[in-house]
N, C-alpha and C. Protein backbone atom coordinates (compact mmCIF):
# COMPACT_ATOMS: atom_id res chain seq x y z
N UNK A 1 7.09 50.62 46.85
CA UNK A 1 6.31 50.62 47.73
C UNK A 1 5.42 49.37 47.43
N UNK A 2 5.18 48.89 49.19
CA UNK A 2 5.13 47.49 49.23
C UNK A 2 3.49 47.03 49.54
N UNK A 3 3.20 46.66 49.30
CA UNK A 3 2.31 46.06 49.18
C UNK A 3 1.01 45.18 50.38
N UNK A 4 0.33 45.95 50.78
CA UNK A 4 -0.40 45.06 52.15
C UNK A 4 -0.56 44.09 51.77
N UNK A 5 -0.14 42.54 52.92
CA UNK A 5 -1.25 41.50 52.64
C UNK A 5 -1.56 40.96 54.08
N UNK A 6 -3.13 40.82 53.35
CA UNK A 6 -3.26 40.28 54.93
C UNK A 6 -3.84 38.83 54.54
N UNK A 7 -3.64 38.29 55.90
CA UNK A 7 -3.35 37.45 56.93
C UNK A 7 -4.72 36.23 56.50
N UNK A 8 -5.51 35.19 55.69
CA UNK A 8 -5.92 34.85 55.63
C UNK A 8 -6.76 34.09 56.78
N UNK A 9 -7.63 33.81 57.10
CA UNK A 9 -8.49 33.47 57.82
C UNK A 9 -8.08 31.45 58.36
N UNK A 10 -8.40 30.84 59.19
CA UNK A 10 -7.79 29.31 59.75
C UNK A 10 -9.24 28.66 59.91
N UNK A 11 -9.63 27.48 59.18
CA UNK A 11 -10.54 27.00 59.42
C UNK A 11 -10.05 25.36 59.90
N UNK A 12 -10.01 25.04 61.49
CA UNK A 12 -9.95 23.90 61.35
C UNK A 12 -10.44 22.91 61.94
N UNK A 13 -11.11 21.81 61.70
CA UNK A 13 -12.39 21.35 61.93
C UNK A 13 -11.74 20.03 62.86
N UNK A 14 -12.96 19.84 63.87
CA UNK A 14 -12.66 19.08 64.96
C UNK A 14 -11.60 17.95 65.41
N UNK A 15 -12.19 17.00 63.70
CA UNK A 15 -11.41 15.77 64.49
C UNK A 15 -10.06 15.94 63.93
N UNK A 16 -9.59 17.35 62.55
CA UNK A 16 -7.83 17.85 62.73
C UNK A 16 -7.45 18.07 64.48
N UNK A 17 -8.38 18.49 64.71
CA UNK A 17 -7.66 19.00 66.27
C UNK A 17 -7.40 18.58 67.20
N UNK A 18 -8.58 16.99 67.33
CA UNK A 18 -7.93 16.43 67.81
C UNK A 18 -6.94 15.54 67.18
N UNK A 19 -6.82 15.04 66.08
CA UNK A 19 -5.09 14.91 66.01
C UNK A 19 -3.70 15.92 66.15
N UNK A 20 -4.29 16.47 66.45
CA UNK A 20 -3.07 17.57 67.11
C UNK A 20 -3.36 17.12 68.41
N UNK A 21 -4.46 17.13 69.09
CA UNK A 21 -4.53 17.50 70.13
C UNK A 21 -3.73 15.34 70.95
N UNK A 22 -3.76 14.91 70.12
CA UNK A 22 -3.86 13.01 70.23
C UNK A 22 -2.02 13.27 69.64
N UNK A 23 -1.63 13.84 68.87
CA UNK A 23 0.12 13.96 68.36
C UNK A 23 0.42 14.42 69.88
N UNK A 24 0.55 15.80 69.88
CA UNK A 24 0.67 16.51 71.48
C UNK A 24 0.53 15.61 72.80
N UNK A 25 -0.50 14.94 73.05
CA UNK A 25 -0.53 13.93 74.08
C UNK A 25 0.63 12.97 74.53
N UNK A 26 0.98 12.16 72.94
CA UNK A 26 1.81 10.98 72.95
C UNK A 26 2.72 11.50 72.95
N UNK A 27 3.51 12.71 72.48
CA UNK A 27 4.67 13.13 72.73
C UNK A 27 5.08 13.06 73.85
N UNK A 28 4.28 14.35 74.76
CA UNK A 28 4.08 13.70 76.32
C UNK A 28 4.21 13.00 77.52
N UNK A 29 4.24 11.81 76.72
CA UNK A 29 3.88 10.30 77.39
C UNK A 29 4.64 10.07 77.82
N UNK A 30 5.78 10.65 76.92
CA UNK A 30 6.90 9.44 76.38
C UNK A 30 8.01 10.49 77.31
N UNK A 31 7.58 12.58 76.53
CA UNK A 31 8.78 12.83 78.13
C UNK A 31 8.57 14.28 77.92
N UNK A 32 8.15 14.80 79.25
CA UNK A 32 7.21 15.97 79.82
C UNK A 32 8.57 17.44 78.81
N UNK A 33 6.73 17.48 78.45
CA UNK A 33 7.58 19.37 77.99
C UNK A 33 7.48 19.38 76.67
N UNK A 34 7.68 17.77 76.19
CA UNK A 34 7.57 17.85 73.91
C UNK A 34 6.31 17.81 73.57
N UNK A 35 5.31 17.67 73.84
CA UNK A 35 4.07 17.56 73.58
C UNK A 35 4.03 19.43 73.50
N UNK A 36 3.91 19.62 74.90
CA UNK A 36 3.91 21.09 74.73
C UNK A 36 5.03 22.12 73.19
N UNK A 37 6.44 21.57 73.26
CA UNK A 37 6.56 22.61 71.85
C UNK A 37 6.58 21.89 70.61
N UNK A 38 5.83 20.78 70.43
CA UNK A 38 5.33 19.97 69.48
C UNK A 38 3.85 20.88 69.19
N UNK A 39 3.01 21.27 69.82
CA UNK A 39 2.00 22.52 70.57
C UNK A 39 2.51 23.39 69.66
N UNK A 40 3.33 23.81 70.57
CA UNK A 40 3.85 25.78 69.87
C UNK A 40 4.46 25.13 68.39
N UNK A 41 5.41 24.34 67.82
CA UNK A 41 6.04 23.98 66.19
C UNK A 41 4.76 24.75 65.62
N UNK A 42 3.50 23.74 65.90
CA UNK A 42 2.73 23.17 64.89
C UNK A 42 1.72 24.61 64.67
N UNK A 43 1.78 25.56 65.93
CA UNK A 43 0.76 26.88 65.47
C UNK A 43 1.90 27.85 65.03
N UNK A 44 3.33 27.48 65.21
CA UNK A 44 3.51 28.52 64.66
C UNK A 44 4.03 28.59 62.82
N UNK A 45 3.55 26.70 62.46
CA UNK A 45 3.48 26.61 60.89
C UNK A 45 2.20 27.16 60.61
N UNK A 46 1.60 26.56 61.56
CA UNK A 46 0.43 27.59 61.20
C UNK A 46 -0.68 29.34 60.56
N UNK A 47 0.68 29.61 61.69
CA UNK A 47 0.79 31.39 61.65
C UNK A 47 1.34 31.38 60.40
N UNK A 48 2.66 30.76 60.14
CA UNK A 48 2.76 30.90 58.54
C UNK A 48 2.27 30.27 57.68
N UNK A 49 1.38 29.51 57.57
CA UNK A 49 0.60 29.40 56.99
C UNK A 49 -0.07 30.72 56.28
N UNK A 50 -1.85 30.92 57.08
CA UNK A 50 -1.98 31.74 57.17
C UNK A 50 -1.86 32.79 56.27
N UNK A 51 -0.20 33.28 56.52
CA UNK A 51 0.45 34.32 56.25
C UNK A 51 0.32 34.06 54.37
N UNK A 52 1.23 33.35 54.33
CA UNK A 52 1.28 33.08 52.79
C UNK A 52 1.94 31.88 52.58
N UNK A 53 -0.06 31.31 52.49
CA UNK A 53 -0.39 30.08 52.19
C UNK A 53 0.33 29.46 50.94
N UNK A 54 -0.20 29.79 49.98
CA UNK A 54 1.35 29.73 48.50
C UNK A 54 2.25 29.36 48.31
N UNK A 55 3.47 29.88 49.74
CA UNK A 55 4.61 29.90 49.49
C UNK A 55 4.75 28.37 49.77
N UNK A 56 3.69 27.90 50.15
CA UNK A 56 4.20 25.73 50.67
C UNK A 56 3.65 24.89 49.47
N UNK A 57 4.58 24.17 49.23
CA UNK A 57 4.25 23.15 48.04
C UNK A 57 3.45 22.44 47.62
N UNK A 58 2.52 22.11 46.44
CA UNK A 58 0.86 21.67 46.34
C UNK A 58 1.09 19.99 46.67
N UNK A 59 0.10 19.06 46.75
CA UNK A 59 0.09 17.49 47.56
C UNK A 59 -0.59 17.14 46.84
N UNK A 60 -1.68 17.84 45.89
CA UNK A 60 -2.91 17.35 44.95
C UNK A 60 -3.29 18.40 44.13
N UNK A 61 -4.11 18.69 43.70
CA UNK A 61 -4.91 19.81 42.99
C UNK A 61 -5.19 20.95 43.24
N UNK A 62 -5.92 20.28 44.77
CA UNK A 62 -6.18 21.97 45.65
C UNK A 62 -5.10 22.00 47.11
N UNK A 63 -4.84 20.98 47.48
CA UNK A 63 -3.63 21.01 48.43
C UNK A 63 -2.74 20.94 48.23
N UNK A 64 -2.16 21.99 49.51
CA UNK A 64 -0.44 22.47 49.38
C UNK A 64 -0.39 20.71 50.89
N UNK A 65 1.12 21.42 51.30
CA UNK A 65 1.68 20.70 51.87
C UNK A 65 2.64 21.35 53.04
N UNK A 66 2.83 21.70 54.62
CA UNK A 66 3.71 22.30 54.73
C UNK A 66 4.57 21.50 55.42
N UNK A 67 5.49 20.79 55.04
CA UNK A 67 6.48 19.35 55.47
C UNK A 67 6.89 20.61 57.58
N UNK A 68 6.69 19.56 58.84
CA UNK A 68 7.43 20.85 59.96
C UNK A 68 8.61 20.08 59.88
N UNK A 69 9.02 21.06 60.02
CA UNK A 69 10.76 20.25 60.38
C UNK A 69 11.61 20.05 61.38
N UNK A 70 12.03 19.30 61.56
CA UNK A 70 12.61 18.35 63.67
C UNK A 70 11.64 17.27 64.09
N UNK A 71 10.02 16.97 63.13
CA UNK A 71 9.44 16.24 63.47
C UNK A 71 8.27 15.66 61.55
N UNK A 72 8.14 14.66 62.82
CA UNK A 72 7.79 13.36 61.44
C UNK A 72 6.01 13.63 60.95
N UNK A 73 5.98 15.01 61.32
CA UNK A 73 4.65 15.48 60.71
C UNK A 73 4.02 16.93 59.21
N UNK A 74 3.27 16.77 58.08
CA UNK A 74 3.42 17.68 57.60
C UNK A 74 1.61 18.12 57.65
N UNK A 75 1.52 19.20 57.45
CA UNK A 75 0.19 20.27 57.81
C UNK A 75 -0.52 19.85 56.13
N UNK A 76 -1.38 19.62 56.03
CA UNK A 76 -2.24 19.46 54.48
C UNK A 76 -2.99 20.04 54.62
N UNK A 77 -3.49 21.16 53.73
CA UNK A 77 -4.36 22.45 53.52
C UNK A 77 -4.88 23.20 52.48
N UNK A 78 -5.94 24.00 52.29
CA UNK A 78 -6.38 23.59 51.16
C UNK A 78 -6.83 25.84 51.38
N UNK A 79 -7.22 26.12 50.42
CA UNK A 79 -6.51 27.79 50.21
C UNK A 79 -8.20 28.62 49.16
N UNK A 80 -9.18 28.63 50.93
CA UNK A 80 -9.95 29.28 49.66
C UNK A 80 -10.56 30.28 49.83
N UNK A 81 -9.95 31.12 48.64
CA UNK A 81 -9.07 32.12 48.15
C UNK A 81 -10.39 33.41 47.93
N UNK A 82 -11.99 32.75 48.31
CA UNK A 82 -12.86 33.77 47.72
C UNK A 82 -13.44 34.27 49.19
N UNK A 83 -12.94 33.17 49.79
CA UNK A 83 -13.32 33.55 51.89
C UNK A 83 -12.38 33.79 52.54
N UNK A 84 -11.28 33.86 52.23
CA UNK A 84 -9.64 33.64 52.76
C UNK A 84 -9.56 32.75 53.84
N UNK A 85 -9.94 32.04 53.29
CA UNK A 85 -9.66 30.97 54.52
C UNK A 85 -8.78 29.96 53.84
N UNK A 86 -8.29 29.90 55.02
CA UNK A 86 -6.90 28.69 55.33
C UNK A 86 -7.73 27.16 55.97
N UNK A 87 -8.20 26.48 54.96
CA UNK A 87 -8.95 25.06 55.77
C UNK A 87 -7.61 23.79 55.89
N UNK A 88 -7.36 23.50 57.34
CA UNK A 88 -6.23 22.48 57.41
C UNK A 88 -7.11 21.22 57.46
N UNK A 89 -6.33 20.41 57.03
CA UNK A 89 -7.23 18.74 56.04
C UNK A 89 -6.90 17.98 57.02
N UNK A 90 -5.39 17.49 57.49
CA UNK A 90 -5.01 16.76 58.19
C UNK A 90 -3.92 17.45 59.24
N UNK A 91 -3.00 17.33 60.04
CA UNK A 91 -1.41 17.19 60.39
C UNK A 91 -1.10 15.94 60.21
N UNK A 92 -0.78 15.28 59.70
CA UNK A 92 -0.37 14.44 59.26
C UNK A 92 0.68 13.71 59.47
N UNK A 93 1.24 11.96 60.19
CA UNK A 93 2.54 11.67 60.58
C UNK A 93 3.06 10.73 59.78
N UNK A 94 3.76 11.19 59.18
CA UNK A 94 4.43 10.18 58.47
C UNK A 94 4.01 9.04 57.83
N UNK A 95 4.35 8.22 58.95
CA UNK A 95 4.46 6.47 58.65
C UNK A 95 3.30 6.18 59.51
N UNK A 96 2.18 7.10 59.53
CA UNK A 96 0.60 6.48 58.93
C UNK A 96 -0.11 5.97 57.27
N UNK A 97 -1.68 5.24 57.80
CA UNK A 97 -1.07 4.42 56.16
C UNK A 97 -2.01 5.57 54.81
N UNK A 98 -0.92 5.91 54.23
CA UNK A 98 -1.10 6.71 53.08
C UNK A 98 -2.14 7.21 51.94
N UNK A 99 -2.74 6.06 52.45
CA UNK A 99 -4.25 5.54 51.83
C UNK A 99 -5.24 6.05 52.39
N UNK A 100 -5.28 6.08 53.48
CA UNK A 100 -6.09 7.53 54.09
C UNK A 100 -6.12 8.44 53.96
N UNK A 101 -4.73 9.28 54.52
CA UNK A 101 -4.62 10.86 53.40
C UNK A 101 -5.32 11.32 52.30
N UNK A 102 -5.04 9.93 51.54
CA UNK A 102 -5.45 10.28 49.89
C UNK A 102 -6.68 10.58 50.09
N UNK A 103 -7.49 9.18 50.74
CA UNK A 103 -8.75 9.71 50.94
C UNK A 103 -9.39 11.15 51.42
N UNK A 104 -8.24 11.80 52.25
CA UNK A 104 -9.01 13.19 52.91
C UNK A 104 -8.56 13.73 52.33
N UNK A 105 -7.43 13.44 51.04
CA UNK A 105 -7.16 14.88 50.44
C UNK A 105 -8.26 15.34 49.04
N UNK A 106 -9.55 14.20 48.41
CA UNK A 106 -9.79 14.14 47.70
C UNK A 106 -9.01 14.11 46.89
């Protein structure tokens, strides 16, 4: 008997949405269509995360990390189990200052 799995809700704060948009714009400015492909891939990962957040490795005491294959980005998130929410903390480009990310992960 297969147990029914319910997806988690998704919480993305405005600053993270802006990061995602800026990354897509950056790619689009370099080559037409690439920004759109990036957005599609990020959306696919977000859907995978909310369907099974615990499949992704921990990046801190309460934070998980989903490495976006083929792109220099990772999605950092926490799972708010009682609310059945996944909160996206960052869509982070690997070459950025790791100290900034560490402050956000708390």
